[in-house]
Amino acid sequence: MTQAKKNWFALYTKPRWEKKIDSVLVRKGVESWCPVQKIERKWSDRKKIIEDPLFKSYVFVHIDDSEKTKVLMTDGVLNFVHHTGKPAVIRDEEIDLIKKFLSEKEASLSIQSLEGFDENTRIRVNHGIFMDNEGIVVRGGKRKVYVKLESLGQVMIVEFPVEYLIPLY
């Protein structure tokens, strides 16, 4: 018997439920991933390093079609992220790219919606895991590059030292 093909999907979750849903799905036997980055939070009396979800209100699952109902029945899961009327399939390469970037020691990352960005100078990265990838410099700065994750409708803004970038004319 052949095993059904598994694909990556993005789930839309209740706000601030990402890590909880990830752990519940893992306990249910679902391959789930909530990408997190370590950030420093400051309070008036202390500082603390916390793991903050990279994509707010998103968790990724690697499932076949038979597991969709089990995933949707999880408390806190609102729906699959849809593209053209059906759950959006996330390419393995996009998941791998995020995982590679998060493994870099000096990674600094923030996520923005695709809407409302003006295209400016196109650049190519000449160093690190994003080497030979092209992106668009954020207006007003020379240190950030957009890497489009089109199936999510998101843009990953990656901060690079200026010397890692080459303008394309």
C-alpha atoms as a PDB file:
ATOM      1  CA  MET A   1       0.000   0.000   0.000  1.00  0.00           C
ATOM      2  CA  THR A   2       1.390   3.401  -0.946  1.00  0.00           C
ATOM      3  CA  GLN A   3       1.451   6.171   1.593  1.00  0.00           C
ATOM      4  CA  ALA A   4      -0.524   9.352   0.804  1.00  0.00           C
ATOM      5  CA  LYS A   5       1.666  12.314  -0.184  1.00  0.00           C
ATOM      6  CA  LYS A   6       2.239  14.791   2.614  1.00  0.00           C
ATOM      7  CA  ASN A   7       2.380  18.528   1.993  1.00  0.00           C
ATOM      8  CA  TRP A   8       3.154  21.524   4.178  1.00  0.00           C
ATOM      9  CA  PHE A   9       0.178  23.726   5.013  1.00  0.00           C
ATOM     10  CA  ALA A  10      -0.140  26.877   7.099  1.00  0.00           C
ATOM     11  CA  LEU A  11      -2.778  27.033   9.820  1.00  0.00           C
ATOM     12  CA  TYR A  12      -4.339  30.267  10.968  1.00  0.00           C
ATOM     13  CA  THR A  13      -4.571  30.231  14.775  1.00  0.00           C
ATOM     14  CA  LYS A  14      -6.024  32.277  17.580  1.00  0.00           C
ATOM     15  CA  PRO A  15      -3.633  35.101  18.550  1.00  0.00           C
ATOM     16  CA  ARG A  16      -0.797  33.962  20.856  1.00  0.00           C
ATOM     17  CA  TRP A  17      -1.825  30.278  20.622  1.00  0.00           C
ATOM     18  CA  GLU A  18       0.913  29.245  18.157  1.00  0.00           C
ATOM     19  CA  LYS A  19       3.223  27.322  20.539  1.00  0.00           C
ATOM     20  CA  LYS A  20       0.310  25.729  22.434  1.00  0.00           C
ATOM     21  CA  ILE A  21      -1.293  24.462  19.191  1.00  0.00           C
ATOM     22  CA  ASP A  22       2.074  23.175  17.968  1.00  0.00           C
ATOM     23  CA  SER A  23       2.545  21.057  21.110  1.00  0.00           C
ATOM     24  CA  VAL A  24      -1.060  19.741  21.012  1.00  0.00           C
ATOM     25  CA  LEU A  25      -0.673  18.718  17.350  1.00  0.00           C
ATOM     26  CA  VAL A  26       2.615  16.933  18.115  1.00  0.00           C
ATOM     27  CA  ARG A  27       0.868  15.023  20.940  1.00  0.00           C
ATOM     28  CA  LYS A  28      -1.833  14.033  18.406  1.00  0.00           C
ATOM     29  CA  GLY A  29       0.892  12.567  16.169  1.00  0.00           C
ATOM     30  CA  VAL A  30       0.782  15.378  13.588  1.00  0.00           C
ATOM     31  CA  GLU A  31       4.056  16.712  12.175  1.00  0.00           C
ATOM     32  CA  SER A  32       3.811  20.340  13.218  1.00  0.00           C
ATOM     33  CA  TRP A  33       6.271  23.247  13.251  1.00  0.00           C
ATOM     34  CA  CYS A  34       6.000  26.642  14.892  1.00  0.00           C
ATOM     35  CA  PRO A  35       9.136  28.578  13.866  1.00  0.00           C
ATOM     36  CA  VAL A  36      10.431  30.669  16.753  1.00  0.00           C
ATOM     37  CA  GLN A  37      13.274  33.099  17.228  1.00  0.00           C
ATOM     38  CA  LYS A  38      14.979  34.103  20.433  1.00  0.00           C
ATOM     39  CA  ILE A  39      14.385  37.752  21.291  1.00  0.00           C
ATOM     40  CA  GLU A  40      15.198  39.864  24.314  1.00  0.00           C
ATOM     41  CA  ARG A  41      12.227  41.328  26.158  1.00  0.00           C
ATOM     42  CA  LYS A  42      12.710  44.167  28.622  1.00  0.00           C
ATOM     43  CA  TRP A  43      10.570  44.891  31.618  1.00  0.00           C
ATOM     44  CA  SER A  44      11.115  47.691  34.122  1.00  0.00           C
ATOM     45  CA  ASP A  45      12.841  45.314  36.541  1.00  0.00           C
ATOM     46  CA  ARG A  46      14.544  42.722  34.283  1.00  0.00           C
ATOM     47  CA  LYS A  47      15.473  41.430  30.828  1.00  0.00           C
ATOM     48  CA  LYS A  48      14.647  37.971  29.550  1.00  0.00           C
ATOM     49  CA  ILE A  49      15.354  35.976  26.381  1.00  0.00           C
ATOM     50  CA  ILE A  50      12.139  34.398  25.097  1.00  0.00           C
ATOM     51  CA  GLU A  51      11.200  32.250  22.112  1.00  0.00           C
ATOM     52  CA  ASP A  52       8.724  34.270  20.072  1.00  0.00           C
ATOM     53  CA  PRO A  53       6.763  32.776  17.143  1.00  0.00           C
ATOM     54  CA  LEU A  54       8.168  34.093  13.870  1.00  0.00           C
ATOM     55  CA  PHE A  55       4.798  34.145  12.082  1.00  0.00           C
ATOM     56  CA  LYS A  56       2.073  35.585  14.293  1.00  0.00           C
ATOM     57  CA  SER A  57      -1.070  33.396  14.275  1.00  0.00           C
ATOM     58  CA  TYR A  58       0.500  30.757  11.977  1.00  0.00           C
ATOM     59  CA  VAL A  59       1.603  27.165  12.558  1.00  0.00           C
ATOM     60  CA  PHE A  60       2.845  24.851   9.799  1.00  0.00           C
ATOM     61  CA  VAL A  61       1.761  21.217   9.471  1.00  0.00           C
ATOM     62  CA  HIS A  62       3.145  18.451   7.223  1.00  0.00           C
ATOM     63  CA  ILE A  63       0.114  16.257   6.566  1.00  0.00           C
ATOM     64  CA  ASP A  64      -1.799  14.301   3.946  1.00  0.00           C
ATOM     65  CA  ASP A  65      -5.442  14.995   3.089  1.00  0.00           C
ATOM     66  CA  SER A  66      -6.739  12.384   5.579  1.00  0.00           C
ATOM     67  CA  GLU A  67      -5.285  14.368   8.516  1.00  0.00           C
ATOM     68  CA  LYS A  68      -6.935  17.721   7.695  1.00  0.00           C
ATOM     69  CA  THR A  69     -10.038  17.126   9.832  1.00  0.00           C
ATOM     70  CA  LYS A  70      -7.973  16.038  12.866  1.00  0.00           C
ATOM     71  CA  VAL A  71      -5.926  19.247  12.539  1.00  0.00           C
ATOM     72  CA  LEU A  72      -8.996  21.499  12.179  1.00  0.00           C
ATOM     73  CA  MET A  73     -10.586  19.883  15.277  1.00  0.00           C
ATOM     74  CA  THR A  74      -7.682  21.139  17.419  1.00  0.00           C
ATOM     75  CA  ASP A  75      -8.701  23.836  19.898  1.00  0.00           C
ATOM     76  CA  GLY A  76      -7.309  27.218  18.809  1.00  0.00           C
ATOM     77  CA  VAL A  77      -6.973  26.350  15.105  1.00  0.00           C
ATOM     78  CA  LEU A  78      -9.200  28.694  13.095  1.00  0.00           C
ATOM     79  CA  ASN A  79      -8.608  27.392   9.563  1.00  0.00           C
ATOM     80  CA  PHE A  80      -6.068  26.552   6.919  1.00  0.00           C
ATOM     81  CA  VAL A  81      -4.552  29.513   5.113  1.00  0.00           C
ATOM     82  CA  HIS A  82      -6.266  29.486   1.705  1.00  0.00           C
ATOM     83  CA  HIS A  83      -4.962  30.453  -1.731  1.00  0.00           C
ATOM     84  CA  THR A  84      -7.281  30.425  -4.767  1.00  0.00           C
ATOM     85  CA  GLY A  85     -10.101  28.900  -2.699  1.00  0.00           C
ATOM     86  CA  LYS A  86      -8.272  25.885  -1.262  1.00  0.00           C
ATOM     87  CA  PRO A  87      -5.696  25.284   1.482  1.00  0.00           C
ATOM     88  CA  ALA A  88      -2.376  26.763   0.344  1.00  0.00           C
ATOM     89  CA  VAL A  89       0.405  24.201  -0.114  1.00  0.00           C
ATOM     90  CA  ILE A  90       3.756  25.522   1.119  1.00  0.00           C
ATOM     91  CA  ARG A  91       6.715  24.343  -0.948  1.00  0.00           C
ATOM     92  CA  ASP A  92       9.325  22.227   0.890  1.00  0.00           C
ATOM     93  CA  GLU A  93      11.992  24.681  -0.347  1.00  0.00           C
ATOM     94  CA  GLU A  94      10.286  27.572   1.463  1.00  0.00           C
ATOM     95  CA  ILE A  95      10.130  25.622   4.733  1.00  0.00           C
ATOM     96  CA  ASP A  96      13.786  24.581   4.315  1.00  0.00           C
ATOM     97  CA  LEU A  97      14.829  28.192   3.641  1.00  0.00           C
ATOM     98  CA  ILE A  98      13.174  29.410   6.858  1.00  0.00           C
ATOM     99  CA  LYS A  99      14.755  26.549   8.852  1.00  0.00           C
ATOM    100  CA  LYS A 100      18.219  27.303   7.423  1.00  0.00           C
ATOM    101  CA  PHE A 101      17.906  30.989   8.180  1.00  0.00           C
ATOM    102  CA  LEU A 102      16.753  30.372  11.749  1.00  0.00           C
ATOM    103  CA  SER A 103      19.824  28.171  12.296  1.00  0.00           C
ATOM    104  CA  GLU A 104      22.161  31.102  11.511  1.00  0.00           C
ATOM    105  CA  LYS A 105      23.624  32.602  14.671  1.00  0.00           C
ATOM    106  CA  GLU A 106      23.153  36.263  13.795  1.00  0.00           C
ATOM    107  CA  ALA A 107      19.733  35.953  12.186  1.00  0.00           C
ATOM    108  CA  SER A 108      17.477  38.953  12.715  1.00  0.00           C
ATOM    109  CA  LEU A 109      14.035  38.583  11.239  1.00  0.00           C
ATOM    110  CA  SER A 110      10.660  40.295  11.108  1.00  0.00           C
ATOM    111  CA  ILE A 111       7.587  39.435   9.061  1.00  0.00           C
ATOM    112  CA  GLN A 112       5.406  41.857   7.119  1.00  0.00           C
ATOM    113  CA  SER A 113       2.371  41.443   4.890  1.00  0.00           C
ATOM    114  CA  LEU A 114       2.977  41.529   1.130  1.00  0.00           C
ATOM    115  CA  GLU A 115       0.575  44.457   0.769  1.00  0.00           C
ATOM    116  CA  GLY A 116       1.837  48.022   0.593  1.00  0.00           C
ATOM    117  CA  PHE A 117       5.523  47.584  -0.262  1.00  0.00           C
ATOM    118  CA  ASP A 118       7.139  49.807  -2.872  1.00  0.00           C
ATOM    119  CA  GLU A 119       9.774  48.105  -4.969  1.00  0.00           C
ATOM    120  CA  ASN A 120      13.122  49.856  -4.885  1.00  0.00           C
ATOM    121  CA  THR A 121      16.645  48.718  -5.609  1.00  0.00           C
ATOM    122  CA  ARG A 122      16.928  45.046  -6.563  1.00  0.00           C
ATOM    123  CA  ILE A 123      19.913  43.358  -4.945  1.00  0.00           C
ATOM    124  CA  ARG A 124      21.676  40.010  -4.879  1.00  0.00           C
ATOM    125  CA  VAL A 125      23.034  38.516  -1.652  1.00  0.00           C
ATOM    126  CA  ASN A 126      26.719  37.558  -1.966  1.00  0.00           C
ATOM    127  CA  HIS A 127      27.275  35.805   1.388  1.00  0.00           C
ATOM    128  CA  GLY A 128      25.649  33.288   3.762  1.00  0.00           C
ATOM    129  CA  ILE A 129      22.786  30.847   3.216  1.00  0.00           C
ATOM    130  CA  PHE A 130      20.862  33.352   1.083  1.00  0.00           C
ATOM    131  CA  MET A 131      23.851  33.708  -1.282  1.00  0.00           C
ATOM    132  CA  ASP A 132      22.798  34.297  -4.925  1.00  0.00           C
ATOM    133  CA  ASN A 133      19.207  35.075  -3.906  1.00  0.00           C
ATOM    134  CA  GLU A 134      17.768  38.338  -5.158  1.00  0.00           C
ATOM    135  CA  GLY A 135      15.636  40.729  -3.153  1.00  0.00           C
ATOM    136  CA  ILE A 136      14.468  44.298  -2.849  1.00  0.00           C
ATOM    137  CA  VAL A 137      16.029  46.808  -0.464  1.00  0.00           C
ATOM    138  CA  VAL A 138      13.642  48.405   2.017  1.00  0.00           C
ATOM    139  CA  ARG A 139      13.185  52.105   1.343  1.00  0.00           C
ATOM    140  CA  GLY A 140      15.152  54.264   3.737  1.00  0.00           C
ATOM    141  CA  GLY A 141      17.753  51.638   4.555  1.00  0.00           C
ATOM    142  CA  LYS A 142      20.442  49.614   2.910  1.00  0.00           C
ATOM    143  CA  ARG A 143      20.427  46.652   5.316  1.00  0.00           C
ATOM    144  CA  LYS A 144      17.179  44.766   4.739  1.00  0.00           C
ATOM    145  CA  VAL A 145      16.111  42.484   1.899  1.00  0.00           C
ATOM    146  CA  TYR A 146      12.666  41.125   1.037  1.00  0.00           C
ATOM    147  CA  VAL A 147      12.480  37.389   0.391  1.00  0.00           C
ATOM    148  CA  LYS A 148       8.987  36.578  -0.882  1.00  0.00           C
ATOM    149  CA  LEU A 149       7.190  33.529   0.493  1.00  0.00           C
ATOM    150  CA  GLU A 150       4.476  33.762  -2.108  1.00  0.00           C
ATOM    151  CA  SER A 151       2.347  30.798  -1.098  1.00  0.00           C
ATOM    152  CA  LEU A 152       1.889  32.405   2.333  1.00  0.00           C
ATOM    153  CA  GLY A 153       1.273  35.926   1.067  1.00  0.00           C
ATOM    154  CA  GLN A 154       4.084  37.026   3.387  1.00  0.00           C
ATOM    155  CA  VAL A 155       7.455  38.702   2.964  1.00  0.00           C
ATOM    156  CA  MET A 156      10.393  37.776   5.141  1.00  0.00           C
ATOM    157  CA  ILE A 157      12.549  40.819   5.907  1.00  0.00           C
ATOM    158  CA  VAL A 158      16.102  39.698   6.567  1.00  0.00           C
ATOM    159  CA  GLU A 159      18.690  42.094   7.955  1.00  0.00           C
ATOM    160  CA  PHE A 160      22.120  41.839   6.302  1.00  0.00           C
ATOM    161  CA  PRO A 161      25.376  43.761   6.699  1.00  0.00           C
ATOM    162  CA  VAL A 162      25.691  46.152   3.748  1.00  0.00           C
ATOM    163  CA  GLU A 163      28.777  44.348   2.468  1.00  0.00           C
ATOM    164  CA  TYR A 164      26.667  41.191   1.835  1.00  0.00           C
ATOM    165  CA  LEU A 165      24.623  42.979  -0.848  1.00  0.00           C
ATOM    166  CA  ILE A 166      25.334  43.808  -4.495  1.00  0.00           C
ATOM    167  CA  PRO A 167      23.004  46.185  -6.360  1.00  0.00           C
ATOM    168  CA  LEU A 168      21.579  44.891  -9.651  1.00  0.00           C
ATOM    169  CA  TYR A 169      21.264  47.455 -12.428  1.00  0.00           C
END
